[in-house]
PDB file of N, CA and C in Angstrom:
ATOM      1  N   UNK A   1     102.000  97.224 104.965  1.00  0.00           N
ATOM      2  CA  UNK A   1     101.322  98.343 104.362  1.00  0.00           C
ATOM      3  C   UNK A   1      99.869  98.408 104.860  1.00  0.00           C
ATOM      4  N   UNK A   2      99.226  97.246 104.972  1.00  0.00           N
ATOM      5  CA  UNK A   2      97.846  97.207 105.462  1.00  0.00           C
ATOM      6  C   UNK A   2      97.797  97.691 106.904  1.00  0.00           C
ATOM      7  N   UNK A   3      98.737  97.246 107.727  1.00  0.00           N
ATOM      8  CA  UNK A   3      98.776  97.680 109.127  1.00  0.00           C
ATOM      9  C   UNK A   3      98.997  99.186 109.222  1.00  0.00           C
ATOM     10  N   UNK A   4      99.854  99.728 108.379  1.00  0.00           N
ATOM     11  CA  UNK A   4     100.102 101.172 108.377  1.00  0.00           C
ATOM     12  C   UNK A   4      98.852 101.932 107.950  1.00  0.00           C
ATOM     13  N   UNK A   5      98.113 101.384 106.997  1.00  0.00           N
ATOM     14  CA  UNK A   5      96.884 102.039 106.518  1.00  0.00           C
ATOM     15  C   UNK A   5      95.794 102.047 107.571  1.00  0.00           C
ATOM     16  N   UNK A   6      95.884 101.169 108.571  1.00  0.00           N
ATOM     17  CA  UNK A   6      94.861 101.094 109.615  1.00  0.00           C
ATOM     18  C   UNK A   6      95.063 102.134 110.726  1.00  0.00           C
ATOM     19  N   UNK A   7      96.141 102.888 110.656  1.00  0.00           N
ATOM     20  CA  UNK A   7      96.373 103.927 111.663  1.00  0.00           C
ATOM     21  C   UNK A   7      95.286 104.992 111.563  1.00  0.00           C
ATOM     22  N   UNK A   8      95.122 105.759 112.648  1.00  0.00           N
ATOM     23  CA  UNK A   8      94.092 106.809 112.628  1.00  0.00           C
ATOM     24  C   UNK A   8      94.294 107.772 111.476  1.00  0.00           C
ATOM     25  N   UNK A   9      95.519 108.186 111.247  1.00  0.00           N
ATOM     26  CA  UNK A   9      95.851 109.050 110.113  1.00  0.00           C
ATOM     27  C   UNK A   9      96.889 108.338 109.256  1.00  0.00           C
ATOM     28  N   UNK A  10      96.440 107.538 108.280  1.00  0.00           N
ATOM     29  CA  UNK A  10      97.422 106.834 107.438  1.00  0.00           C
ATOM     30  C   UNK A  10      98.326 107.825 106.714  1.00  0.00           C
ATOM     31  N   UNK A  11      99.610 107.503 106.571  1.00  0.00           N
ATOM     32  CA  UNK A  11     100.542 108.418 105.908  1.00  0.00           C
ATOM     33  C   UNK A  11     100.387 108.464 104.386  1.00  0.00           C
ATOM     34  N   UNK A  12      99.432 107.728 103.837  1.00  0.00           N
ATOM     35  CA  UNK A  12      99.209 107.744 102.391  1.00  0.00           C
ATOM     36  C   UNK A  12      97.719 107.630 102.107  1.00  0.00           C
ATOM     37  N   UNK A  13      97.336 108.047 100.915  1.00  0.00           N
ATOM     38  CA  UNK A  13      95.929 108.026 100.511  1.00  0.00           C
ATOM     39  C   UNK A  13      95.633 106.954  99.473  1.00  0.00           C
ATOM     40  N   UNK A  14      96.681 106.374  98.894  1.00  0.00           N
ATOM     41  CA  UNK A  14      96.477 105.382  97.843  1.00  0.00           C
ATOM     42  C   UNK A  14      97.636 104.395  97.816  1.00  0.00           C
ATOM     43  N   UNK A  15      97.328 103.215  97.320  1.00  0.00           N
ATOM     44  CA  UNK A  15      98.340 102.188  97.070  1.00  0.00           C
ATOM     45  C   UNK A  15      98.334 101.962  95.561  1.00  0.00           C
ATOM     46  N   UNK A  16      99.485 102.143  94.935  1.00  0.00           N
ATOM     47  CA  UNK A  16      99.607 101.923  93.498  1.00  0.00           C
ATOM     48  C   UNK A  16     100.124 100.512  93.246  1.00  0.00           C
ATOM     49  N   UNK A  17      99.445  99.802  92.342  1.00  0.00           N
ATOM     50  CA  UNK A  17      99.907  98.479  91.933  1.00  0.00           C
ATOM     51  C   UNK A  17     100.004  98.463  90.416  1.00  0.00           C
ATOM     52  N   UNK A  18     100.903  97.653  89.899  1.00  0.00           N
ATOM     53  CA  UNK A  18     101.068  97.568  88.457  1.00  0.00           C
ATOM     54  C   UNK A  18      99.812  96.976  87.823  1.00  0.00           C
ATOM     55  N   UNK A  19      99.365  95.844  88.373  1.00  0.00           N
ATOM     56  CA  UNK A  19      98.131  95.198  87.950  1.00  0.00           C
ATOM     57  C   UNK A  19      97.428  94.722  89.216  1.00  0.00           C
ATOM     58  N   UNK A  20      96.139  94.518  89.131  1.00  0.00           N
ATOM     59  CA  UNK A  20      95.385  94.083  90.308  1.00  0.00           C
ATOM     60  C   UNK A  20      95.860  92.725  90.813  1.00  0.00           C
ATOM     61  N   UNK A  21      96.393  91.899  89.940  1.00  0.00           N
ATOM     62  CA  UNK A  21      96.892  90.594  90.365  1.00  0.00           C
ATOM     63  C   UNK A  21      98.099  90.719  91.293  1.00  0.00           C
ATOM     64  N   UNK A  22      98.771  91.863  91.280  1.00  0.00           N
ATOM     65  CA  UNK A  22      99.921  92.080  92.157  1.00  0.00           C
ATOM     66  C   UNK A  22      99.487  92.468  93.565  1.00  0.00           C
ATOM     67  N   UNK A  23      98.225  92.842  93.750  1.00  0.00           N
ATOM     68  CA  UNK A  23      97.734  93.232  95.069  1.00  0.00           C
ATOM     69  C   UNK A  23      97.423  92.005  95.924  1.00  0.00           C
ATOM     70  N   UNK A  24      96.754  91.017  95.349  1.00  0.00           N
ATOM     71  CA  UNK A  24      96.413  89.800  96.074  1.00  0.00           C
ATOM     72  C   UNK A  24      96.325  88.644  95.103  1.00  0.00           C
ATOM     73  N   UNK A  25      96.649  87.457  95.575  1.00  0.00           N
ATOM     74  CA  UNK A  25      96.630  86.281  94.706  1.00  0.00           C
ATOM     75  C   UNK A  25      95.258  85.623  94.642  1.00  0.00           C
ATOM     76  N   UNK A  26      94.413  85.865  95.645  1.00  0.00           N
ATOM     77  CA  UNK A  26      93.077  85.283  95.552  1.00  0.00           C
ATOM     78  C   UNK A  26      92.023  86.344  95.851  1.00  0.00           C
ATOM     79  N   UNK A  27      90.850  86.107  95.364  1.00  0.00           N
ATOM     80  CA  UNK A  27      89.757  87.078  95.426  1.00  0.00           C
ATOM     81  C   UNK A  27      89.340  87.371  96.861  1.00  0.00           C
ATOM     82  N   UNK A  28      89.324  86.361  97.697  1.00  0.00           N
ATOM     83  CA  UNK A  28      88.906  86.554  99.087  1.00  0.00           C
ATOM     84  C   UNK A  28      89.803  87.565  99.802  1.00  0.00           C
ATOM     85  N   UNK A  29      91.116  87.399  99.694  1.00  0.00           N
ATOM     86  CA  UNK A  29      92.052  88.347 100.317  1.00  0.00           C
ATOM     87  C   UNK A  29      91.860  89.746  99.741  1.00  0.00           C
ATOM     88  N   UNK A  30      91.676  89.824  98.440  1.00  0.00           N
ATOM     89  CA  UNK A  30      91.506  91.113  97.788  1.00  0.00           C
ATOM     90  C   UNK A  30      90.273  91.839  98.322  1.00  0.00           C
ATOM     91  N   UNK A  31      89.168  91.131  98.444  1.00  0.00           N
ATOM     92  CA  UNK A  31      87.934  91.745  98.952  1.00  0.00           C
ATOM     93  C   UNK A  31      88.126  92.249 100.370  1.00  0.00           C
ATOM     94  N   UNK A  32      88.712  91.412 101.214  1.00  0.00           N
ATOM     95  CA  UNK A  32      88.911  91.784 102.625  1.00  0.00           C
ATOM     96  C   UNK A  32      89.794  93.014 102.738  1.00  0.00           C
ATOM     97  N   UNK A  33      90.941  92.989 102.066  1.00  0.00           N
ATOM     98  CA  UNK A  33      91.890  94.100 102.207  1.00  0.00           C
ATOM     99  C   UNK A  33      91.398  95.385 101.548  1.00  0.00           C
ATOM    100  N   UNK A  34      90.758  95.277 100.402  1.00  0.00           N
ATOM    101  CA  UNK A  34      90.233  96.490  99.763  1.00  0.00           C
ATOM    102  C   UNK A  34      89.131  97.116 100.603  1.00  0.00           C
ATOM    103  N   UNK A  35      88.292  96.297 101.208  1.00  0.00           N
ATOM    104  CA  UNK A  35      87.239  96.811 102.077  1.00  0.00           C
ATOM    105  C   UNK A  35      87.837  97.517 103.293  1.00  0.00           C
ATOM    106  N   UNK A  36      88.834  96.881 103.901  1.00  0.00           N
ATOM    107  CA  UNK A  36      89.500  97.483 105.062  1.00  0.00           C
ATOM    108  C   UNK A  36      90.160  98.807 104.679  1.00  0.00           C
ATOM    109  N   UNK A  37      90.828  98.827 103.541  1.00  0.00           N
ATOM    110  CA  UNK A  37      91.491 100.057 103.098  1.00  0.00           C
ATOM    111  C   UNK A  37      90.475 101.156 102.793  1.00  0.00           C
ATOM    112  N   UNK A  38      89.363 100.780 102.159  1.00  0.00           N
ATOM    113  CA  UNK A  38      88.318 101.766 101.822  1.00  0.00           C
ATOM    114  C   UNK A  38      87.772 102.413 103.094  1.00  0.00           C
ATOM    115  N   UNK A  39      87.607 101.632 104.155  1.00  0.00           N
ATOM    116  CA  UNK A  39      87.106 102.162 105.434  1.00  0.00           C
ATOM    117  C   UNK A  39      88.063 103.186 106.030  1.00  0.00           C
ATOM    118  N   UNK A  40      89.346 103.055 105.710  1.00  0.00           N
ATOM    119  CA  UNK A  40      90.347 103.987 106.232  1.00  0.00           C
ATOM    120  C   UNK A  40      90.717 105.066 105.219  1.00  0.00           C
ATOM    121  N   UNK A  41      89.975 105.152 104.131  1.00  0.00           N
ATOM    122  CA  UNK A  41      90.186 106.214 103.154  1.00  0.00           C
ATOM    123  C   UNK A  41      91.359 106.020 102.228  1.00  0.00           C
ATOM    124  N   UNK A  42      91.802 104.764 102.067  1.00  0.00           N
ATOM    125  CA  UNK A  42      92.940 104.471 101.191  1.00  0.00           C
ATOM    126  C   UNK A  42      92.419 103.760  99.947  1.00  0.00           C
ATOM    127  N   UNK A  43      92.801 104.259  98.777  1.00  0.00           N
ATOM    128  CA  UNK A  43      92.398 103.657  97.507  1.00  0.00           C
ATOM    129  C   UNK A  43      93.462 102.691  97.011  1.00  0.00           C
ATOM    130  N   UNK A  44      93.033 101.671  96.274  1.00  0.00           N
ATOM    131  CA  UNK A  44      93.965 100.791  95.558  1.00  0.00           C
ATOM    132  C   UNK A  44      93.824 101.148  94.084  1.00  0.00           C
ATOM    133  N   UNK A  45      94.920 101.614  93.496  1.00  0.00           N
ATOM    134  CA  UNK A  45      94.890 102.078  92.109  1.00  0.00           C
ATOM    135  C   UNK A  45      95.804 101.195  91.270  1.00  0.00           C
ATOM    136  N   UNK A  46      95.234 100.621  90.218  1.00  0.00           N
ATOM    137  CA  UNK A  46      96.002  99.800  89.285  1.00  0.00           C
ATOM    138  C   UNK A  46      96.454 100.681  88.118  1.00  0.00           C
ATOM    139  N   UNK A  47      97.724 100.618  87.801  1.00  0.00           N
ATOM    140  CA  UNK A  47      98.266 101.446  86.728  1.00  0.00           C
ATOM    141  C   UNK A  47      97.834 100.915  85.361  1.00  0.00           C
ATOM    142  N   UNK A  48      97.882  99.597  85.171  1.00  0.00           N
ATOM    143  CA  UNK A  48      97.549  99.017  83.865  1.00  0.00           C
ATOM    144  C   UNK A  48      96.088  98.637  83.709  1.00  0.00           C
ATOM    145  N   UNK A  49      95.345  98.571  84.793  1.00  0.00           N
ATOM    146  CA  UNK A  49      93.933  98.204  84.737  1.00  0.00           C
ATOM    147  C   UNK A  49      93.106  99.241  85.490  1.00  0.00           C
ATOM    148  N   UNK A  50      93.004 100.447  84.949  1.00  0.00           N
ATOM    149  CA  UNK A  50      92.263 101.488  85.660  1.00  0.00           C
ATOM    150  C   UNK A  50      90.785 101.128  85.779  1.00  0.00           C
ATOM    151  N   UNK A  51      90.278 101.160  87.009  1.00  0.00           N
ATOM    152  CA  UNK A  51      88.881 100.829  87.288  1.00  0.00           C
ATOM    153  C   UNK A  51      88.277 101.985  88.071  1.00  0.00           C
ATOM    154  N   UNK A  52      87.132 102.445  87.633  1.00  0.00           N
ATOM    155  CA  UNK A  52      86.465 103.555  88.316  1.00  0.00           C
ATOM    156  C   UNK A  52      85.766 103.065  89.576  1.00  0.00           C
ATOM    157  N   UNK A  53      85.538 103.973  90.521  1.00  0.00           N
ATOM    158  CA  UNK A  53      84.833 103.629  91.752  1.00  0.00           C
ATOM    159  C   UNK A  53      83.330 103.828  91.543  1.00  0.00           C
ATOM    160  N   UNK A  54      82.766 103.019  90.650  1.00  0.00           N
ATOM    161  CA  UNK A  54      81.340 103.034  90.337  1.00  0.00           C
ATOM    162  C   UNK A  54      80.848 101.590  90.412  1.00  0.00           C
ATOM    163  N   UNK A  55      79.539 101.376  90.412  1.00  0.00           N
ATOM    164  CA  UNK A  55      79.060  99.993  90.419  1.00  0.00           C
ATOM    165  C   UNK A  55      79.606  99.160  89.247  1.00  0.00           C
ATOM    166  N   UNK A  56      79.636  99.734  88.050  1.00  0.00           N
ATOM    167  CA  UNK A  56      80.174  98.975  86.915  1.00  0.00           C
ATOM    168  C   UNK A  56      81.688  98.791  87.048  1.00  0.00           C
ATOM    169  N   UNK A  57      82.368  99.740  87.634  1.00  0.00           N
ATOM    170  CA  UNK A  57      83.801  99.617  87.870  1.00  0.00           C
ATOM    171  C   UNK A  57      84.110  98.519  88.875  1.00  0.00           C
ATOM    172  N   UNK A  58      83.291  98.415  89.931  1.00  0.00           N
ATOM    173  CA  UNK A  58      83.485  97.353  90.914  1.00  0.00           C
ATOM    174  C   UNK A  58      83.192  95.981  90.303  1.00  0.00           C
ATOM    175  N   UNK A  59      82.210  95.921  89.386  1.00  0.00           N
ATOM    176  CA  UNK A  59      81.934  94.670  88.676  1.00  0.00           C
ATOM    177  C   UNK A  59      83.148  94.267  87.842  1.00  0.00           C
ATOM    178  N   UNK A  60      83.703  95.209  87.098  1.00  0.00           N
ATOM    179  CA  UNK A  60      84.886  94.944  86.286  1.00  0.00           C
ATOM    180  C   UNK A  60      86.059  94.514  87.162  1.00  0.00           C
ATOM    181  N   UNK A  61      86.215  95.162  88.303  1.00  0.00           N
ATOM    182  CA  UNK A  61      87.266  94.825  89.259  1.00  0.00           C
ATOM    183  C   UNK A  61      87.119  93.365  89.704  1.00  0.00           C
ATOM    184  N   UNK A  62      85.908  92.957  90.020  1.00  0.00           N
ATOM    185  CA  UNK A  62      85.660  91.575  90.437  1.00  0.00           C
ATOM    186  C   UNK A  62      85.948  90.577  89.336  1.00  0.00           C
ATOM    187  N   UNK A  63      85.573  90.910  88.119  1.00  0.00           N
ATOM    188  CA  UNK A  63      85.822  90.021  86.984  1.00  0.00           C
ATOM    189  C   UNK A  63      87.327  89.852  86.763  1.00  0.00           C
ATOM    190  N   UNK A  64      88.056  90.957  86.826  1.00  0.00           N
ATOM    191  CA  UNK A  64      89.518  90.898  86.657  1.00  0.00           C
ATOM    192  C   UNK A  64      90.144  90.037  87.748  1.00  0.00           C
ATOM    193  N   UNK A  65      89.670  90.197  88.990  1.00  0.00           N
ATOM    194  CA  UNK A  65      90.220  89.411  90.093  1.00  0.00           C
ATOM    195  C   UNK A  65      89.950  87.923  89.917  1.00  0.00           C
ATOM    196  N   UNK A  66      88.743  87.571  89.478  1.00  0.00           N
ATOM    197  CA  UNK A  66      88.408  86.160  89.270  1.00  0.00           C
ATOM    198  C   UNK A  66      89.281  85.571  88.164  1.00  0.00           C
ATOM    199  N   UNK A  67      89.470  86.300  87.082  1.00  0.00           N
ATOM    200  CA  UNK A  67      90.307  85.821  85.978  1.00  0.00           C
ATOM    201  C   UNK A  67      91.758  85.658  86.448  1.00  0.00           C
ATOM    202  N   UNK A  68      92.270  86.621  87.220  1.00  0.00           N
ATOM    203  CA  UNK A  68      93.644  86.533  87.729  1.00  0.00           C
ATOM    204  C   UNK A  68      93.810  85.341  88.672  1.00  0.00           C
ATOM    205  N   UNK A  69      92.810  85.089  89.529  1.00  0.00           N
ATOM    206  CA  UNK A  69      92.878  83.957  90.448  1.00  0.00           C
ATOM    207  C   UNK A  69      92.868  82.641  89.665  1.00  0.00           C
ATOM    208  N   UNK A  70      92.020  82.550  88.635  1.00  0.00           N
ATOM    209  CA  UNK A  70      91.988  81.360  87.788  1.00  0.00           C
ATOM    210  C   UNK A  70      93.336  81.151  87.107  1.00  0.00           C
ATOM    211  N   UNK A  71      93.908  82.221  86.558  1.00  0.00           N
ATOM    212  CA  UNK A  71      95.185  82.126  85.862  1.00  0.00           C
ATOM    213  C   UNK A  71      96.265  81.594  86.801  1.00  0.00           C
ATOM    214  N   UNK A  72      96.319  82.113  88.030  1.00  0.00           N
ATOM    215  CA  UNK A  72      97.325  81.696  88.991  1.00  0.00           C
ATOM    216  C   UNK A  72      97.157  80.222  89.365  1.00  0.00           C
ATOM    217  N   UNK A  73      95.919  79.801  89.635  1.00  0.00           N
ATOM    218  CA  UNK A  73      95.663  78.403  90.003  1.00  0.00           C
ATOM    219  C   UNK A  73      95.959  77.472  88.829  1.00  0.00           C
ATOM    220  N   UNK A  74      95.580  77.874  87.633  1.00  0.00           N
ATOM    221  CA  UNK A  74      95.811  77.056  86.444  1.00  0.00           C
ATOM    222  C   UNK A  74      97.305  76.937  86.145  1.00  0.00           C
ATOM    223  N   UNK A  75      98.031  78.034  86.280  1.00  0.00           N
ATOM    224  CA  UNK A  75      99.478  78.017  86.057  1.00  0.00           C
ATOM    225  C   UNK A  75     100.157  77.078  87.048  1.00  0.00           C
ATOM    226  N   UNK A  76      99.744  77.135  88.304  1.00  0.00           N
ATOM    227  CA  UNK A  76     100.305  76.258  89.330  1.00  0.00           C
ATOM    228  C   UNK A  76     100.078  74.798  88.968  1.00  0.00           C
ATOM    229  N   UNK A  77      98.876  74.485  88.525  1.00  0.00           N
ATOM    230  CA  UNK A  77      98.541  73.122  88.128  1.00  0.00           C
ATOM    231  C   UNK A  77      99.410  72.666  86.941  1.00  0.00           C
ATOM    232  N   UNK A  78      99.607  73.534  85.976  1.00  0.00           N
ATOM    233  CA  UNK A  78     100.429  73.196  84.811  1.00  0.00           C
ATOM    234  C   UNK A  78     101.891  72.987  85.181  1.00  0.00           C
ATOM    235  N   UNK A  79     102.404  73.799  86.094  1.00  0.00           N
ATOM    236  CA  UNK A  79     103.803  73.665  86.521  1.00  0.00           C
ATOM    237  C   UNK A  79     104.006  72.337  87.236  1.00  0.00           C
ATOM    238  N   UNK A  80     103.093  71.996  88.138  1.00  0.00           N
ATOM    239  CA  UNK A  80     103.199  70.724  88.857  1.00  0.00           C
ATOM    240  C   UNK A  80     103.126  69.549  87.879  1.00  0.00           C
ATOM    241  N   UNK A  81     102.218  69.635  86.906  1.00  0.00           N
ATOM    242  CA  UNK A  81     102.102  68.576  85.908  1.00  0.00           C
ATOM    243  C   UNK A  81     103.404  68.433  85.123  1.00  0.00           C
ATOM    244  N   UNK A  82     104.003  69.540  84.730  1.00  0.00           N
ATOM    245  CA  UNK A  82     105.263  69.502  83.995  1.00  0.00           C
ATOM    246  C   UNK A  82     106.394  68.925  84.816  1.00  0.00           C
ATOM    247  N   UNK A  83     106.448  69.266  86.090  1.00  0.00           N
ATOM    248  CA  UNK A  83     107.500  68.733  86.958  1.00  0.00           C
ATOM    249  C   UNK A  83     107.328  67.225  87.148  1.00  0.00           C
ATOM    250  N   UNK A  84     106.075  66.781  87.304  1.00  0.00           N
ATOM    251  CA  UNK A  84     105.824  65.332  87.436  1.00  0.00           C
ATOM    252  C   UNK A  84     106.218  64.592  86.158  1.00  0.00           C
ATOM    253  N   UNK A  85     105.882  65.181  85.018  1.00  0.00           N
ATOM    254  CA  UNK A  85     106.228  64.558  83.740  1.00  0.00           C
ATOM    255  C   UNK A  85     107.741  64.441  83.595  1.00  0.00           C
ATOM    256  N   UNK A  86     108.463  65.506  83.940  1.00  0.00           N
ATOM    257  CA  UNK A  86     109.926  65.463  83.871  1.00  0.00           C
ATOM    258  C   UNK A  86     110.484  64.391  84.795  1.00  0.00           C
ATOM    259  N   UNK A  87     109.951  64.312  86.006  1.00  0.00           N
ATOM    260  CA  UNK A  87     110.428  63.312  86.968  1.00  0.00           C
ATOM    261  C   UNK A  87     110.117  61.899  86.483  1.00  0.00           C
ATOM    262  N   UNK A  88     108.936  61.696  85.881  1.00  0.00           N
ATOM    263  CA  UNK A  88     108.578  60.355  85.402  1.00  0.00           C
ATOM    264  C   UNK A  88     109.473  59.923  84.245  1.00  0.00           C
ATOM    265  N   UNK A  89     110.035  60.890  83.527  1.00  0.00           N
ATOM    266  CA  UNK A  89     110.946  60.576  82.425  1.00  0.00           C
ATOM    267  C   UNK A  89     112.398  60.470  82.893  1.00  0.00           C
ATOM    268  N   UNK A  90     112.611  60.639  84.207  1.00  0.00           N
ATOM    269  CA  UNK A  90     113.950  60.471  84.756  1.00  0.00           C
ATOM    270  C   UNK A  90     114.776  61.738  84.817  1.00  0.00           C
ATOM    271  N   UNK A  91     114.173  62.874  84.541  1.00  0.00           N
ATOM    272  CA  UNK A  91     114.900  64.141  84.593  1.00  0.00           C
ATOM    273  C   UNK A  91     114.766  64.759  85.977  1.00  0.00           C
ATOM    274  N   UNK A  92     115.789  65.473  86.376  1.00  0.00           N
ATOM    275  CA  UNK A  92     115.784  66.170  87.658  1.00  0.00           C
ATOM    276  C   UNK A  92     115.355  67.598  87.410  1.00  0.00           C
ATOM    277  N   UNK A  93     114.476  68.129  88.267  1.00  0.00           N
ATOM    278  CA  UNK A  93     113.861  69.427  87.963  1.00  0.00           C
ATOM    279  C   UNK A  93     114.545  70.637  88.581  1.00  0.00           C
ATOM    280  N   UNK A  94     115.758  70.502  89.031  1.00  0.00           N
ATOM    281  CA  UNK A  94     116.480  71.692  89.473  1.00  0.00           C
ATOM    282  C   UNK A  94     117.160  71.542  90.815  1.00  0.00           C
ATOM    283  N   UNK A  95     117.991  72.534  91.117  1.00  0.00           N
ATOM    284  CA  UNK A  95     118.733  72.520  92.371  1.00  0.00           C
ATOM    285  C   UNK A  95     119.952  71.623  92.271  1.00  0.00           C
ATOM    286  N   UNK A  96     120.694  71.544  93.361  1.00  0.00           N
ATOM    287  CA  UNK A  96     121.856  70.656  93.337  1.00  0.00           C
ATOM    288  C   UNK A  96     121.393  69.197  93.279  1.00  0.00           C
ATOM    289  N   UNK A  97     122.160  68.348  92.607  1.00  0.00           N
ATOM    290  CA  UNK A  97     121.756  66.948  92.530  1.00  0.00           C
ATOM    291  C   UNK A  97     121.818  66.284  93.911  1.00  0.00           C
ATOM    292  N   UNK A  98     120.999  65.263  94.123  1.00  0.00           N
ATOM    293  CA  UNK A  98     121.035  64.554  95.405  1.00  0.00           C
ATOM    294  C   UNK A  98     122.415  63.947  95.670  1.00  0.00           C
ATOM    295  N   UNK A  99     122.739  63.701  96.929  1.00  0.00           N
ATOM    296  CA  UNK A  99     124.033  63.143  97.316  1.00  0.00           C
ATOM    297  C   UNK A  99     124.276  61.834  96.572  1.00  0.00           C
ATOM    298  N   UNK A 100     125.441  61.726  95.970  1.00  0.00           N
ATOM    299  CA  UNK A 100     125.810  60.506  95.259  1.00  0.00           C
ATOM    300  C   UNK A 100     125.472  60.533  93.783  1.00  0.00           C
ATOM    301  N   UNK A 101     124.813  61.593  93.311  1.00  0.00           N
ATOM    302  CA  UNK A 101     124.450  61.697  91.899  1.00  0.00           C
ATOM    303  C   UNK A 101     125.189  62.872  91.274  1.00  0.00           C
ATOM    304  N   UNK A 102     125.321  62.848  89.963  1.00  0.00           N
ATOM    305  CA  UNK A 102     125.902  63.991  89.269  1.00  0.00           C
ATOM    306  C   UNK A 102     125.050  64.304  88.050  1.00  0.00           C
ATOM    307  N   UNK A 103     125.160  65.529  87.580  1.00  0.00           N
ATOM    308  CA  UNK A 103     124.403  65.953  86.401  1.00  0.00           C
ATOM    309  C   UNK A 103     125.056  65.427  85.140  1.00  0.00           C
ATOM    310  N   UNK A 104     124.208  64.977  84.241  1.00  0.00           N
ATOM    311  CA  UNK A 104     124.677  64.493  82.950  1.00  0.00           C
ATOM    312  C   UNK A 104     123.789  65.113  81.891  1.00  0.00           C
ATOM    313  N   UNK A 105     124.388  65.792  80.905  1.00  0.00           N
ATOM    314  CA  UNK A 105     123.595  66.399  79.842  1.00  0.00           C
ATOM    315  C   UNK A 105     123.143  65.309  78.870  1.00  0.00           C
ATOM    316  N   UNK A 106     121.855  65.375  78.498  1.00  0.00           N
ATOM    317  CA  UNK A 106     121.308  64.418  77.535  1.00  0.00           C
ATOM    318  C   UNK A 106     120.507  65.181  76.493  1.00  0.00           C
ATOM    319  N   UNK A 107     120.373  64.594  75.324  1.00  0.00           N
ATOM    320  CA  UNK A 107     119.533  65.161  74.282  1.00  0.00           C
ATOM    321  C   UNK A 107     118.115  64.620  74.461  1.00  0.00           C
ATOM    322  N   UNK A 108     117.142  65.498  74.391  1.00  0.00           N
ATOM    323  CA  UNK A 108     115.754  65.063  74.542  1.00  0.00           C
ATOM    324  C   UNK A 108     115.022  65.255  73.231  1.00  0.00           C
TER     325      UNK A 108
END
């Protein structure tokens, strides 16, 4: 989509996203791509987080992106911690069992 937007005459004027977190997972990518799109006359419009193209709107946009990036990194950390805890307790965290093992249901 970014490559298509870089054409001399992009076939669209806006990219609709459900939330800004769906556009990019980290703030750096978001800044780069939004800047590139703005130069080519393409807007990024969030359906659930409408932000105006004003200085205060750009501030709000940045705050939302930072919070979304924190949420994603924190969630990743929590998932890894949970998987390690399950493994340390002897539980298998998914997929087919390793060769030579079978699944056994246990009460926890």
